Amino acid sequence: MTSLPLDAPTVLQALTLELELEPVDPDQVVEGEPLVGSLALTEVDDWEVGVWELTPGIVTDVEVEEIFVVLRGRAILRREDGLETELLPGSVGRLDDGEETEWEVLETLRKIYFA
């Protein structure tokens, strides 16, 4: 994960920020060759705020406490309890610390996160 330089502007365009993408850890990949990238924007109290992106494929993850807003893309979020949720621009979600998830990204997904 990268962070913004200290002299970064206070207003950024989250949809067009350049993110460095790298391959997802092979142990997490279920299908495809997805790439992931993120950029930490700031911290507020104990919360990190940033932009995260994942390209098409299916990956698993163990989550941290997080609230997110989808900016673009389309995905199916599967939770360990079997619940499936379609994520589209404007979707707002919450992930629990330690929760096991599967992300099936159909169109490159970009979100703002508060973790």
PDB file of N, CA and C in Angstrom:
ATOM      1  N   MET A   1       0.847  -1.169   0.000  1.00  0.00           N
ATOM      2  CA  MET A   1       0.000   0.000   0.000  1.00  0.00           C
ATOM      3  C   MET A   1       0.892   1.232   0.000  1.00  0.00           C
ATOM      4  N   THR A   2       0.511   2.210  -0.786  1.00  0.00           N
ATOM      5  CA  THR A   2       1.251   3.465  -0.813  1.00  0.00           C
ATOM      6  C   THR A   2       0.449   4.544  -0.109  1.00  0.00           C
ATOM      7  N   SER A   3       1.112   5.614   0.243  1.00  0.00           N
ATOM      8  CA  SER A   3       0.459   6.749   0.911  1.00  0.00           C
ATOM      9  C   SER A   3       0.733   8.018   0.131  1.00  0.00           C
ATOM     10  N   LEU A   4      -0.131   8.994   0.301  1.00  0.00           N
ATOM     11  CA  LEU A   4       0.055  10.288  -0.341  1.00  0.00           C
ATOM     12  C   LEU A   4       1.211  11.037   0.298  1.00  0.00           C
ATOM     13  N   PRO A   5       1.944  11.832  -0.482  1.00  0.00           N
ATOM     14  CA  PRO A   5       2.992  12.665   0.107  1.00  0.00           C
ATOM     15  C   PRO A   5       2.369  13.724   1.016  1.00  0.00           C
ATOM     16  N   LEU A   6       3.161  14.225   1.944  1.00  0.00           N
ATOM     17  CA  LEU A   6       2.651  15.199   2.912  1.00  0.00           C
ATOM     18  C   LEU A   6       2.144  16.480   2.271  1.00  0.00           C
ATOM     19  N   ASP A   7       2.625  16.841   1.089  1.00  0.00           N
ATOM     20  CA  ASP A   7       2.195  18.082   0.447  1.00  0.00           C
ATOM     21  C   ASP A   7       1.040  17.862  -0.520  1.00  0.00           C
ATOM     22  N   ALA A   8       0.362  16.714  -0.432  1.00  0.00           N
ATOM     23  CA  ALA A   8      -0.757  16.412  -1.328  1.00  0.00           C
ATOM     24  C   ALA A   8      -1.903  17.397  -1.086  1.00  0.00           C
ATOM     25  N   PRO A   9      -2.696  17.682  -2.124  1.00  0.00           N
ATOM     26  CA  PRO A   9      -3.837  18.584  -1.954  1.00  0.00           C
ATOM     27  C   PRO A   9      -4.883  17.978  -1.024  1.00  0.00           C
ATOM     28  N   THR A  10      -5.730  18.815  -0.488  1.00  0.00           N
ATOM     29  CA  THR A  10      -6.745  18.329   0.439  1.00  0.00           C
ATOM     30  C   THR A  10      -7.988  17.810  -0.270  1.00  0.00           C
ATOM     31  N   VAL A  11      -8.103  18.038  -1.580  1.00  0.00           N
ATOM     32  CA  VAL A  11      -9.212  17.505  -2.363  1.00  0.00           C
ATOM     33  C   VAL A  11      -8.614  16.735  -3.537  1.00  0.00           C
ATOM     34  N   LEU A  12      -9.019  15.480  -3.666  1.00  0.00           N
ATOM     35  CA  LEU A  12      -8.505  14.610  -4.724  1.00  0.00           C
ATOM     36  C   LEU A  12      -9.652  14.005  -5.505  1.00  0.00           C
ATOM     37  N   GLN A  13      -9.385  13.595  -6.707  1.00  0.00           N
ATOM     38  CA  GLN A  13     -10.384  12.923  -7.536  1.00  0.00           C
ATOM     39  C   GLN A  13     -10.164  11.418  -7.413  1.00  0.00           C
ATOM     40  N   ALA A  14     -10.923  10.779  -6.548  1.00  0.00           N
ATOM     41  CA  ALA A  14     -10.732   9.365  -6.244  1.00  0.00           C
ATOM     42  C   ALA A  14     -10.943   8.462  -7.458  1.00  0.00           C
ATOM     43  N   LEU A  15     -11.747   8.901  -8.411  1.00  0.00           N
ATOM     44  CA  LEU A  15     -11.994   8.082  -9.601  1.00  0.00           C
ATOM     45  C   LEU A  15     -10.787   8.031 -10.539  1.00  0.00           C
ATOM     46  N   THR A  16      -9.953   9.065 -10.499  1.00  0.00           N
ATOM     47  CA  THR A  16      -8.852   9.127 -11.461  1.00  0.00           C
ATOM     48  C   THR A  16      -7.471   9.030 -10.822  1.00  0.00           C
ATOM     49  N   LEU A  17      -7.403   8.848  -9.510  1.00  0.00           N
ATOM     50  CA  LEU A  17      -6.105   8.685  -8.855  1.00  0.00           C
ATOM     51  C   LEU A  17      -5.378   7.485  -9.454  1.00  0.00           C
ATOM     52  N   GLU A  18      -4.098   7.656  -9.739  1.00  0.00           N
ATOM     53  CA  GLU A  18      -3.297   6.549 -10.260  1.00  0.00           C
ATOM     54  C   GLU A  18      -2.911   5.641  -9.097  1.00  0.00           C
ATOM     55  N   LEU A  19      -3.223   4.361  -9.237  1.00  0.00           N
ATOM     56  CA  LEU A  19      -2.846   3.382  -8.223  1.00  0.00           C
ATOM     57  C   LEU A  19      -1.841   2.414  -8.826  1.00  0.00           C
ATOM     58  N   GLU A  20      -0.849   2.027  -8.052  1.00  0.00           N
ATOM     59  CA  GLU A  20       0.089   1.001  -8.491  1.00  0.00           C
ATOM     60  C   GLU A  20      -0.570  -0.354  -8.255  1.00  0.00           C
ATOM     61  N   LEU A  21      -0.801  -1.090  -9.337  1.00  0.00           N
ATOM     62  CA  LEU A  21      -1.439  -2.398  -9.231  1.00  0.00           C
ATOM     63  C   LEU A  21      -0.381  -3.492  -9.249  1.00  0.00           C
ATOM     64  N   GLU A  22      -0.626  -4.516  -8.442  1.00  0.00           N
ATOM     65  CA  GLU A  22       0.282  -5.664  -8.401  1.00  0.00           C
ATOM     66  C   GLU A  22      -0.543  -6.938  -8.295  1.00  0.00           C
ATOM     67  N   PRO A  23       0.032  -8.072  -8.649  1.00  0.00           N
ATOM     68  CA  PRO A  23      -0.721  -9.323  -8.582  1.00  0.00           C
ATOM     69  C   PRO A  23      -1.193  -9.616  -7.153  1.00  0.00           C
ATOM     70  N   VAL A  24      -2.383 -10.175  -7.053  1.00  0.00           N
ATOM     71  CA  VAL A  24      -2.912 -10.618  -5.765  1.00  0.00           C
ATOM     72  C   VAL A  24      -2.096 -11.831  -5.320  1.00  0.00           C
ATOM     73  N   ASP A  25      -1.883 -11.963  -4.023  1.00  0.00           N
ATOM     74  CA  ASP A  25      -1.179 -13.121  -3.468  1.00  0.00           C
ATOM     75  C   ASP A  25      -1.810 -14.398  -4.036  1.00  0.00           C
ATOM     76  N   PRO A  26      -1.021 -15.275  -4.665  1.00  0.00           N
ATOM     77  CA  PRO A  26      -1.577 -16.490  -5.285  1.00  0.00           C
ATOM     78  C   PRO A  26      -2.400 -17.348  -4.327  1.00  0.00           C
ATOM     79  N   ASP A  27      -2.101 -17.310  -3.023  1.00  0.00           N
ATOM     80  CA  ASP A  27      -2.872 -18.087  -2.049  1.00  0.00           C
ATOM     81  C   ASP A  27      -4.307 -17.584  -1.923  1.00  0.00           C
ATOM     82  N   GLN A  28      -4.559 -16.351  -2.375  1.00  0.00           N
ATOM     83  CA  GLN A  28      -5.896 -15.770  -2.285  1.00  0.00           C
ATOM     84  C   GLN A  28      -6.681 -15.883  -3.589  1.00  0.00           C
ATOM     85  N   VAL A  29      -6.021 -16.227  -4.689  1.00  0.00           N
ATOM     86  CA  VAL A  29      -6.665 -16.246  -5.998  1.00  0.00           C
ATOM     87  C   VAL A  29      -7.418 -17.563  -6.193  1.00  0.00           C
ATOM     88  N   VAL A  30      -8.711 -17.431  -6.513  1.00  0.00           N
ATOM     89  CA  VAL A  30      -9.558 -18.574  -6.834  1.00  0.00           C
ATOM     90  C   VAL A  30      -9.634 -18.749  -8.344  1.00  0.00           C
ATOM     91  N   GLU A  31      -9.724 -17.610  -9.053  1.00  0.00           N
ATOM     92  CA  GLU A  31      -9.861 -17.641 -10.512  1.00  0.00           C
ATOM     93  C   GLU A  31      -9.285 -16.365 -11.118  1.00  0.00           C
ATOM     94  N   GLY A  32      -8.647 -16.503 -12.271  1.00  0.00           N
ATOM     95  CA  GLY A  32      -8.137 -15.353 -12.998  1.00  0.00           C
ATOM     96  C   GLY A  32      -6.758 -14.936 -12.538  1.00  0.00           C
ATOM     97  N   GLU A  33      -6.371 -13.751 -12.980  1.00  0.00           N
ATOM     98  CA  GLU A  33      -5.082 -13.156 -12.618  1.00  0.00           C
ATOM     99  C   GLU A  33      -5.307 -11.717 -12.154  1.00  0.00           C
ATOM    100  N   PRO A  34      -6.093 -11.543 -11.081  1.00  0.00           N
ATOM    101  CA  PRO A  34      -6.447 -10.189 -10.648  1.00  0.00           C
ATOM    102  C   PRO A  34      -5.253  -9.406 -10.113  1.00  0.00           C
ATOM    103  N   LEU A  35      -5.353  -8.102 -10.292  1.00  0.00           N
ATOM    104  CA  LEU A  35      -4.374  -7.155  -9.758  1.00  0.00           C
ATOM    105  C   LEU A  35      -5.069  -6.301  -8.705  1.00  0.00           C
ATOM    106  N   VAL A  36      -4.313  -5.860  -7.717  1.00  0.00           N
ATOM    107  CA  VAL A  36      -4.865  -5.051  -6.636  1.00  0.00           C
ATOM    108  C   VAL A  36      -3.942  -3.872  -6.364  1.00  0.00           C
ATOM    109  N   GLY A  37      -4.536  -2.768  -5.944  1.00  0.00           N
ATOM    110  CA  GLY A  37      -3.758  -1.600  -5.557  1.00  0.00           C
ATOM    111  C   GLY A  37      -4.552  -0.745  -4.594  1.00  0.00           C
ATOM    112  N   SER A  38      -3.842   0.014  -3.794  1.00  0.00           N
ATOM    113  CA  SER A  38      -4.522   0.919  -2.877  1.00  0.00           C
ATOM    114  C   SER A  38      -3.630   2.115  -2.591  1.00  0.00           C
ATOM    115  N   LEU A  39      -4.258   3.156  -2.105  1.00  0.00           N
ATOM    116  CA  LEU A  39      -3.562   4.376  -1.749  1.00  0.00           C
ATOM    117  C   LEU A  39      -4.199   4.930  -0.486  1.00  0.00           C
ATOM    118  N   ALA A  40      -3.424   4.968   0.590  1.00  0.00           N
ATOM    119  CA  ALA A  40      -3.908   5.563   1.838  1.00  0.00           C
ATOM    120  C   ALA A  40      -3.941   7.071   1.660  1.00  0.00           C
ATOM    121  N   LEU A  41      -5.071   7.691   1.971  1.00  0.00           N
ATOM    122  CA  LEU A  41      -5.227   9.135   1.798  1.00  0.00           C
ATOM    123  C   LEU A  41      -4.941   9.913   3.073  1.00  0.00           C
ATOM    124  N   THR A  42      -5.476   9.418   4.190  1.00  0.00           N
ATOM    125  CA  THR A  42      -5.306  10.121   5.464  1.00  0.00           C
ATOM    126  C   THR A  42      -5.739   9.197   6.595  1.00  0.00           C
ATOM    127  N   GLU A  43      -5.529   9.656   7.811  1.00  0.00           N
ATOM    128  CA  GLU A  43      -6.039   8.965   8.990  1.00  0.00           C
ATOM    129  C   GLU A  43      -6.905   9.931   9.779  1.00  0.00           C
ATOM    130  N   VAL A  44      -8.019   9.402  10.277  1.00  0.00           N
ATOM    131  CA  VAL A  44      -8.922  10.169  11.122  1.00  0.00           C
ATOM    132  C   VAL A  44      -9.125   9.339  12.384  1.00  0.00           C
ATOM    133  N   ASP A  45      -8.656   9.847  13.519  1.00  0.00           N
ATOM    134  CA  ASP A  45      -8.635   9.081  14.763  1.00  0.00           C
ATOM    135  C   ASP A  45      -7.909   7.769  14.479  1.00  0.00           C
ATOM    136  N   ASP A  46      -8.558   6.624  14.697  1.00  0.00           N
ATOM    137  CA  ASP A  46      -7.916   5.330  14.454  1.00  0.00           C
ATOM    138  C   ASP A  46      -8.289   4.740  13.098  1.00  0.00           C
ATOM    139  N   TRP A  47      -8.943   5.509  12.237  1.00  0.00           N
ATOM    140  CA  TRP A  47      -9.398   5.017  10.931  1.00  0.00           C
ATOM    141  C   TRP A  47      -8.473   5.493   9.817  1.00  0.00           C
ATOM    142  N   GLU A  48      -8.077   4.560   8.952  1.00  0.00           N
ATOM    143  CA  GLU A  48      -7.355   4.925   7.734  1.00  0.00           C
ATOM    144  C   GLU A  48      -8.377   5.093   6.627  1.00  0.00           C
ATOM    145  N   VAL A  49      -8.221   6.130   5.828  1.00  0.00           N
ATOM    146  CA  VAL A  49      -9.108   6.394   4.700  1.00  0.00           C
ATOM    147  C   VAL A  49      -8.272   6.280   3.430  1.00  0.00           C
ATOM    148  N   GLY A  50      -8.789   5.531   2.447  1.00  0.00           N
ATOM    149  CA  GLY A  50      -8.016   5.364   1.231  1.00  0.00           C
ATOM    150  C   GLY A  50      -8.862   4.917   0.051  1.00  0.00           C
ATOM    151  N   VAL A  51      -8.174   4.695  -1.058  1.00  0.00           N
ATOM    152  CA  VAL A  51      -8.788   4.214  -2.295  1.00  0.00           C
ATOM    153  C   VAL A  51      -8.196   2.844  -2.578  1.00  0.00           C
ATOM    154  N   TRP A  52      -9.043   1.890  -2.983  1.00  0.00           N
ATOM    155  CA  TRP A  52      -8.634   0.506  -3.243  1.00  0.00           C
ATOM    156  C   TRP A  52      -9.245   0.066  -4.559  1.00  0.00           C
ATOM    157  N   GLU A  53      -8.496  -0.738  -5.331  1.00  0.00           N
ATOM    158  CA  GLU A  53      -8.990  -1.214  -6.621  1.00  0.00           C
ATOM    159  C   GLU A  53      -8.575  -2.669  -6.817  1.00  0.00           C
ATOM    160  N   LEU A  54      -9.485  -3.447  -7.436  1.00  0.00           N
ATOM    161  CA  LEU A  54      -9.242  -4.853  -7.754  1.00  0.00           C
ATOM    162  C   LEU A  54      -9.771  -5.116  -9.151  1.00  0.00           C
ATOM    163  N   THR A  55      -8.933  -5.733 -10.001  1.00  0.00           N
ATOM    164  CA  THR A  55      -9.333  -6.040 -11.373  1.00  0.00           C
ATOM    165  C   THR A  55     -10.076  -7.383 -11.398  1.00  0.00           C
ATOM    166  N   PRO A  56     -10.737  -7.718 -12.526  1.00  0.00           N
ATOM    167  CA  PRO A  56     -11.557  -8.930 -12.591  1.00  0.00           C
ATOM    168  C   PRO A  56     -10.825 -10.213 -12.196  1.00  0.00           C
ATOM    169  N   GLY A  57     -11.593 -11.060 -11.544  1.00  0.00           N
ATOM    170  CA  GLY A  57     -11.129 -12.348 -11.038  1.00  0.00           C
ATOM    171  C   GLY A  57     -11.881 -12.662  -9.766  1.00  0.00           C
ATOM    172  N   ILE A  58     -11.523 -13.769  -9.133  1.00  0.00           N
ATOM    173  CA  ILE A  58     -12.131 -14.144  -7.856  1.00  0.00           C
ATOM    174  C   ILE A  58     -11.014 -14.334  -6.838  1.00  0.00           C
ATOM    175  N   VAL A  59     -11.143 -13.647  -5.697  1.00  0.00           N
ATOM    176  CA  VAL A  59     -10.149 -13.736  -4.633  1.00  0.00           C
ATOM    177  C   VAL A  59     -10.834 -13.915  -3.286  1.00  0.00           C
ATOM    178  N   THR A  60     -10.092 -14.492  -2.354  1.00  0.00           N
ATOM    179  CA  THR A  60     -10.568 -14.601  -0.978  1.00  0.00           C
ATOM    180  C   THR A  60      -9.802 -13.601  -0.123  1.00  0.00           C
ATOM    181  N   ASP A  61     -10.371 -13.265   1.028  1.00  0.00           N
ATOM    182  CA  ASP A  61      -9.705 -12.330   1.924  1.00  0.00           C
ATOM    183  C   ASP A  61     -10.191 -12.562   3.348  1.00  0.00           C
ATOM    184  N   VAL A  62      -9.372 -12.175   4.301  1.00  0.00           N
ATOM    185  CA  VAL A  62      -9.773 -12.078   5.698  1.00  0.00           C
ATOM    186  C   VAL A  62      -9.758 -10.596   6.005  1.00  0.00           C
ATOM    187  N   GLU A  63     -10.912 -10.074   6.355  1.00  0.00           N
ATOM    188  CA  GLU A  63     -11.115  -8.630   6.435  1.00  0.00           C
ATOM    189  C   GLU A  63     -10.663  -8.021   7.751  1.00  0.00           C
ATOM    190  N   VAL A  64     -10.487  -6.699   7.697  1.00  0.00           N
ATOM    191  CA  VAL A  64     -10.345  -5.873   8.890  1.00  0.00           C
ATOM    192  C   VAL A  64     -11.648  -5.089   9.007  1.00  0.00           C
ATOM    193  N   GLU A  65     -11.881  -4.486  10.156  1.00  0.00           N
ATOM    194  CA  GLU A  65     -13.072  -3.645  10.338  1.00  0.00           C
ATOM    195  C   GLU A  65     -13.036  -2.538   9.293  1.00  0.00           C
ATOM    196  N   GLU A  66     -14.080  -2.448   8.475  1.00  0.00           N
ATOM    197  CA  GLU A  66     -14.055  -1.495   7.364  1.00  0.00           C
ATOM    198  C   GLU A  66     -15.458  -1.073   6.970  1.00  0.00           C
ATOM    199  N   ILE A  67     -15.556   0.182   6.560  1.00  0.00           N
ATOM    200  CA  ILE A  67     -16.744   0.707   5.881  1.00  0.00           C
ATOM    201  C   ILE A  67     -16.247   1.148   4.514  1.00  0.00           C
ATOM    202  N   PHE A  68     -17.016   0.858   3.455  1.00  0.00           N
ATOM    203  CA  PHE A  68     -16.570   1.218   2.110  1.00  0.00           C
ATOM    204  C   PHE A  68     -17.716   1.754   1.270  1.00  0.00           C
ATOM    205  N   VAL A  69     -17.342   2.523   0.243  1.00  0.00           N
ATOM    206  CA  VAL A  69     -18.282   3.043  -0.746  1.00  0.00           C
ATOM    207  C   VAL A  69     -17.709   2.706  -2.121  1.00  0.00           C
ATOM    208  N   VAL A  70     -18.479   1.998  -2.942  1.00  0.00           N
ATOM    209  CA  VAL A  70     -18.032   1.635  -4.284  1.00  0.00           C
ATOM    210  C   VAL A  70     -18.162   2.848  -5.198  1.00  0.00           C
ATOM    211  N   LEU A  71     -17.075   3.169  -5.891  1.00  0.00           N
ATOM    212  CA  LEU A  71     -17.064   4.288  -6.830  1.00  0.00           C
ATOM    213  C   LEU A  71     -17.380   3.834  -8.251  1.00  0.00           C
ATOM    214  N   ARG A  72     -16.810   2.677  -8.634  1.00  0.00           N
ATOM    215  CA  ARG A  72     -17.068   2.160  -9.978  1.00  0.00           C
ATOM    216  C   ARG A  72     -16.812   0.664  -9.990  1.00  0.00           C
ATOM    217  N   GLY A  73     -17.365   0.028 -11.030  1.00  0.00           N
ATOM    218  CA  GLY A  73     -17.163  -1.400 -11.203  1.00  0.00           C
ATOM    219  C   GLY A  73     -18.370  -2.207 -10.760  1.00  0.00           C
ATOM    220  N   ARG A  74     -18.169  -3.514 -10.793  1.00  0.00           N
ATOM    221  CA  ARG A  74     -19.250  -4.433 -10.429  1.00  0.00           C
ATOM    222  C   ARG A  74     -18.628  -5.706  -9.879  1.00  0.00           C
ATOM    223  N   ALA A  75     -19.169  -6.185  -8.757  1.00  0.00           N
ATOM    224  CA  ALA A  75     -18.634  -7.382  -8.122  1.00  0.00           C
ATOM    225  C   ALA A  75     -19.724  -8.070  -7.306  1.00  0.00           C
ATOM    226  N   ILE A  76     -19.450  -9.312  -6.973  1.00  0.00           N
ATOM    227  CA  ILE A  76     -20.285 -10.067  -6.038  1.00  0.00           C
ATOM    228  C   ILE A  76     -19.424 -10.305  -4.800  1.00  0.00           C
ATOM    229  N   LEU A  77     -19.919  -9.878  -3.648  1.00  0.00           N
ATOM    230  CA  LEU A  77     -19.242 -10.106  -2.378  1.00  0.00           C
ATOM    231  C   LEU A  77     -19.935 -11.277  -1.697  1.00  0.00           C
ATOM    232  N   ARG A  78     -19.175 -12.328  -1.422  1.00  0.00           N
ATOM    233  CA  ARG A  78     -19.714 -13.506  -0.736  1.00  0.00           C
ATOM    234  C   ARG A  78     -19.103 -13.562   0.668  1.00  0.00           C
ATOM    235  N   ARG A  79     -19.984 -13.738   1.642  1.00  0.00           N
ATOM    236  CA  ARG A  79     -19.547 -13.798   3.039  1.00  0.00           C
ATOM    237  C   ARG A  79     -19.573 -15.243   3.518  1.00  0.00           C
ATOM    238  N   GLU A  80     -18.852 -15.505   4.597  1.00  0.00           N
ATOM    239  CA  GLU A  80     -18.740 -16.873   5.105  1.00  0.00           C
ATOM    240  C   GLU A  80     -20.081 -17.453   5.545  1.00  0.00           C
ATOM    241  N   ASP A  81     -21.071 -16.605   5.826  1.00  0.00           N
ATOM    242  CA  ASP A  81     -22.394 -17.107   6.211  1.00  0.00           C
ATOM    243  C   ASP A  81     -23.263 -17.447   4.993  1.00  0.00           C
ATOM    244  N   GLY A  82     -22.690 -17.301   3.774  1.00  0.00           N
ATOM    245  CA  GLY A  82     -23.413 -17.641   2.551  1.00  0.00           C
ATOM    246  C   GLY A  82     -24.111 -16.467   1.892  1.00  0.00           C
ATOM    247  N   LEU A  83     -24.147 -15.316   2.551  1.00  0.00           N
ATOM    248  CA  LEU A  83     -24.808 -14.137   1.982  1.00  0.00           C
ATOM    249  C   LEU A  83     -24.006 -13.614   0.791  1.00  0.00           C
ATOM    250  N   GLU A  84     -24.703 -13.353  -0.328  1.00  0.00           N
ATOM    251  CA  GLU A  84     -24.088 -12.760  -1.520  1.00  0.00           C
ATOM    252  C   GLU A  84     -24.697 -11.389  -1.756  1.00  0.00           C
ATOM    253  N   THR A  85     -23.843 -10.415  -2.052  1.00  0.00           N
ATOM    254  CA  THR A  85     -24.303  -9.057  -2.308  1.00  0.00           C
ATOM    255  C   THR A  85     -23.672  -8.544  -3.587  1.00  0.00           C
ATOM    256  N   GLU A  86     -24.498  -8.007  -4.487  1.00  0.00           N
ATOM    257  CA  GLU A  86     -23.958  -7.389  -5.683  1.00  0.00           C
ATOM    258  C   GLU A  86     -23.505  -5.979  -5.328  1.00  0.00           C
ATOM    259  N   LEU A  87     -22.290  -5.651  -5.712  1.00  0.00           N
ATOM    260  CA  LEU A  87     -21.735  -4.327  -5.464  1.00  0.00           C
ATOM    261  C   LEU A  87     -21.697  -3.555  -6.763  1.00  0.00           C
ATOM    262  N   LEU A  88     -22.248  -2.349  -6.730  1.00  0.00           N
ATOM    263  CA  LEU A  88     -22.321  -1.442  -7.874  1.00  0.00           C
ATOM    264  C   LEU A  88     -21.911  -0.053  -7.400  1.00  0.00           C
ATOM    265  N   PRO A  89     -21.640   0.888  -8.322  1.00  0.00           N
ATOM    266  CA  PRO A  89     -21.340   2.245  -7.884  1.00  0.00           C
ATOM    267  C   PRO A  89     -22.432   2.776  -6.948  1.00  0.00           C
ATOM    268  N   GLY A  90     -21.992   3.312  -5.831  1.00  0.00           N
ATOM    269  CA  GLY A  90     -22.926   3.826  -4.834  1.00  0.00           C
ATOM    270  C   GLY A  90     -23.203   2.845  -3.707  1.00  0.00           C
ATOM    271  N   SER A  91     -22.816   1.570  -3.865  1.00  0.00           N
ATOM    272  CA  SER A  91     -23.011   0.601  -2.779  1.00  0.00           C
ATOM    273  C   SER A  91     -22.162   1.000  -1.579  1.00  0.00           C
ATOM    274  N   VAL A  92     -22.755   0.912  -0.395  1.00  0.00           N
ATOM    275  CA  VAL A  92     -22.060   1.180   0.856  1.00  0.00           C
ATOM    276  C   VAL A  92     -22.094  -0.098   1.665  1.00  0.00           C
ATOM    277  N   GLY A  93     -20.939  -0.505   2.184  1.00  0.00           N
ATOM    278  CA  GLY A  93     -20.891  -1.769   2.920  1.00  0.00           C
ATOM    279  C   GLY A  93     -20.034  -1.684   4.154  1.00  0.00           C
ATOM    280  N   ARG A  94     -20.158  -2.733   4.960  1.00  0.00           N
ATOM    281  CA  ARG A  94     -19.355  -2.860   6.169  1.00  0.00           C
ATOM    282  C   ARG A  94     -18.796  -4.266   6.224  1.00  0.00           C
ATOM    283  N   LEU A  95     -17.533  -4.369   6.600  1.00  0.00           N
ATOM    284  CA  LEU A  95     -16.866  -5.653   6.781  1.00  0.00           C
ATOM    285  C   LEU A  95     -16.416  -5.742   8.231  1.00  0.00           C
ATOM    286  N   ASP A  96     -16.507  -6.935   8.793  1.00  0.00           N
ATOM    287  CA  ASP A  96     -16.124  -7.138  10.187  1.00  0.00           C
ATOM    288  C   ASP A  96     -14.709  -7.699  10.282  1.00  0.00           C
ATOM    289  N   ASP A  97     -14.003  -7.317  11.315  1.00  0.00           N
ATOM    290  CA  ASP A  97     -12.652  -7.792  11.554  1.00  0.00           C
ATOM    291  C   ASP A  97     -12.649  -9.325  11.643  1.00  0.00           C
ATOM    292  N   GLY A  98     -11.789  -9.961  10.853  1.00  0.00           N
ATOM    293  CA  GLY A  98     -11.678 -11.416  10.868  1.00  0.00           C
ATOM    294  C   GLY A  98     -12.650 -12.145   9.958  1.00  0.00           C
ATOM    295  N   GLU A  99     -13.584 -11.426   9.361  1.00  0.00           N
ATOM    296  CA  GLU A  99     -14.580 -12.026   8.473  1.00  0.00           C
ATOM    297  C   GLU A  99     -13.896 -12.570   7.215  1.00  0.00           C
ATOM    298  N   GLU A 100     -14.255 -13.787   6.810  1.00  0.00           N
ATOM    299  CA  GLU A 100     -13.722 -14.383   5.591  1.00  0.00           C
ATOM    300  C   GLU A 100     -14.675 -14.087   4.445  1.00  0.00           C
ATOM    301  N   THR A 101     -14.118 -13.546   3.355  1.00  0.00           N
ATOM    302  CA  THR A 101     -14.945 -13.139   2.219  1.00  0.00           C
ATOM    303  C   THR A 101     -14.365 -13.681   0.915  1.00  0.00           C
ATOM    304  N   GLU A 102     -15.226 -13.661  -0.114  1.00  0.00           N
ATOM    305  CA  GLU A 102     -14.800 -13.949  -1.479  1.00  0.00           C
ATOM    306  C   GLU A 102     -15.323 -12.816  -2.343  1.00  0.00           C
ATOM    307  N   TRP A 103     -14.455 -12.264  -3.166  1.00  0.00           N
ATOM    308  CA  TRP A 103     -14.780 -11.154  -4.053  1.00  0.00           C
ATOM    309  C   TRP A 103     -14.722 -11.655  -5.489  1.00  0.00           C
ATOM    310  N   GLU A 104     -15.856 -11.682  -6.170  1.00  0.00           N
ATOM    311  CA  GLU A 104     -15.889 -12.010  -7.592  1.00  0.00           C
ATOM    312  C   GLU A 104     -16.055 -10.697  -8.344  1.00  0.00           C
ATOM    313  N   VAL A 105     -14.970 -10.214  -8.899  1.00  0.00           N
ATOM    314  CA  VAL A 105     -14.977  -8.923  -9.576  1.00  0.00           C
ATOM    315  C   VAL A 105     -15.274  -9.142 -11.056  1.00  0.00           C
ATOM    316  N   LEU A 106     -16.395  -8.576 -11.510  1.00  0.00           N
ATOM    317  CA  LEU A 106     -16.842  -8.711 -12.893  1.00  0.00           C
ATOM    318  C   LEU A 106     -16.345  -7.557 -13.750  1.00  0.00           C
ATOM    319  N   GLU A 107     -16.271  -6.364 -13.164  1.00  0.00           N
ATOM    320  CA  GLU A 107     -15.716  -5.161 -13.798  1.00  0.00           C
ATOM    321  C   GLU A 107     -14.846  -4.503 -12.736  1.00  0.00           C
ATOM    322  N   THR A 108     -13.671  -4.044 -13.124  1.00  0.00           N
ATOM    323  CA  THR A 108     -12.714  -3.495 -12.155  1.00  0.00           C
ATOM    324  C   THR A 108     -13.435  -2.655 -11.103  1.00  0.00           C
ATOM    325  N   LEU A 109     -13.208  -3.025  -9.843  1.00  0.00           N
ATOM    326  CA  LEU A 109     -13.892  -2.418  -8.705  1.00  0.00           C
ATOM    327  C   LEU A 109     -12.975  -1.409  -8.028  1.00  0.00           C
ATOM    328  N   ARG A 110     -13.487  -0.216  -7.824  1.00  0.00           N
ATOM    329  CA  ARG A 110     -12.762   0.822  -7.084  1.00  0.00           C
ATOM    330  C   ARG A 110     -13.652   1.299  -5.959  1.00  0.00           C
ATOM    331  N   LYS A 111     -13.077   1.395  -4.771  1.00  0.00           N
ATOM    332  CA  LYS A 111     -13.859   1.837  -3.611  1.00  0.00           C
ATOM    333  C   LYS A 111     -13.037   2.763  -2.743  1.00  0.00           C
ATOM    334  N   ILE A 112     -13.738   3.572  -1.976  1.00  0.00           N
ATOM    335  CA  ILE A 112     -13.158   4.341  -0.879  1.00  0.00           C
ATOM    336  C   ILE A 112     -13.372   3.500   0.360  1.00  0.00           C
ATOM    337  N   TYR A 113     -12.334   3.366   1.178  1.00  0.00           N
ATOM    338  CA  TYR A 113     -12.477   2.573   2.400  1.00  0.00           C
ATOM    339  C   TYR A 113     -12.125   3.413   3.626  1.00  0.00           C
ATOM    340  N   PHE A 114     -12.747   3.037   4.729  1.00  0.00           N
ATOM    341  CA  PHE A 114     -12.477   3.585   6.055  1.00  0.00           C
ATOM    342  C   PHE A 114     -12.189   2.372   6.928  1.00  0.00           C
ATOM    343  N   ALA A 115     -10.920   2.130   7.248  1.00  0.00           N
ATOM    344  CA  ALA A 115     -10.554   0.893   7.968  1.00  0.00           C
ATOM    345  C   ALA A 115      -9.703   1.189   9.185  1.00  0.00           C
TER     346      ALA A 115
END
